[in-house]
Amino acid sequence: MQTGVNWFINRSLFDPLKTLQLRGPLRRLPETGRFSPRVWVFAAVAVGGTIAAFLLPPLRQPQSYHQFADGRTLAGIPNCLNVASNAGFLVAGLLGLWYLEAYDHFIEPRERTAYVVFFLGVCGTCFGSAYYHWAPRDTTLAWDRLPMTLAFMSLLSAMIAERISVNVGTRLLWPLVAAGALSVAWWRWTGNLWPYMAAQYFSIFLIGWLLLMFPPSYTRSGDLLVVTGLYILAKVAERLDGWIYALTGWISGHTLKHLIAAAAVYWLLRMLRERTSRASMARLAFSPRPKVTFY
């Protein structure tokens, strides 16, 4: 192994059957200034997908989207459970901001900013979504979607920083956040939903690509699969809004969507709290084992 060059472990760090036994090829950290063909393919797909969102035939917002199964007014609050269930986002977002303020478990401090924006976006989603569900219509829906784009795009920036390059990821943070916000403005200006759909769903696709094709800088990558699974479950609950409400008689699929999505945010916070740098784990594995004296 060459000295003076940073390395990290691709795929699993340790063989599960052997304590501190390294497995898999050692690869250079992406901060060497050279990018592999995989990076350029990823960049080309990202740019191509963004351009396609503006070239596709316009996608309009169905007005049926504003019709929810549970429209009950409780304690003077219209659509009460759909409004109140957004509190989970505020709890998860504030816990995330508190953790980022109290602890610093990042390899480089600048990686923290993307997660600050992410949890701020989650907190904003609480208020924007509650405002929308109080009076569902296109004008209020924009305030629901705006903070969501902050969360999705800042998470994409964080994944780029952790799996391709800290420099690239941190420099893309604000352009990505601005692009997400502009996608909502574009929808309100032109009526075309495709750019916003790209900001949400295409960013999730890109994050999934990063998880599968690029090695991590931290442990506990499996937690991101749990987050993805919870997000998919939340979208399924949203689609089954009326069916779930008819089945339970008291809670709708859309309310469950909010609660499950908030649980996904908390699981991401759990990952940040529990994970460690793979580089530090590698140093531990390569460090000389202490001698034990037997009497």
Foldseek 3Di string as FASTA:
>chain_A
DDPPFAWFAFDDQADPVDPLHGDHDIDGDQVPPDFDVVVVVLVVVLVVLLVVLVVDDFDFDDPCLLDFQQQDQDPNQTSPLQLVLLVLLLVLLVVQVVCLVVDDQDPDNLLSVLSNQQSVLSNQLSVLRNQCNSPPDLVSVLSNQLSVLSNLQSVLLSLCCFFNNVVVSSVCNVVSSVQQNVLSVCCVVPSGNSSNCCSHVVSVVSSVCSLVPTGGQKPDSVLVVVLVVLLVQLVVLSVQFNVVCVVPVPHGSSSVSSNSNSVSSNSVSVCVVPMHGSSVSNCVSPDDDDDDDDD
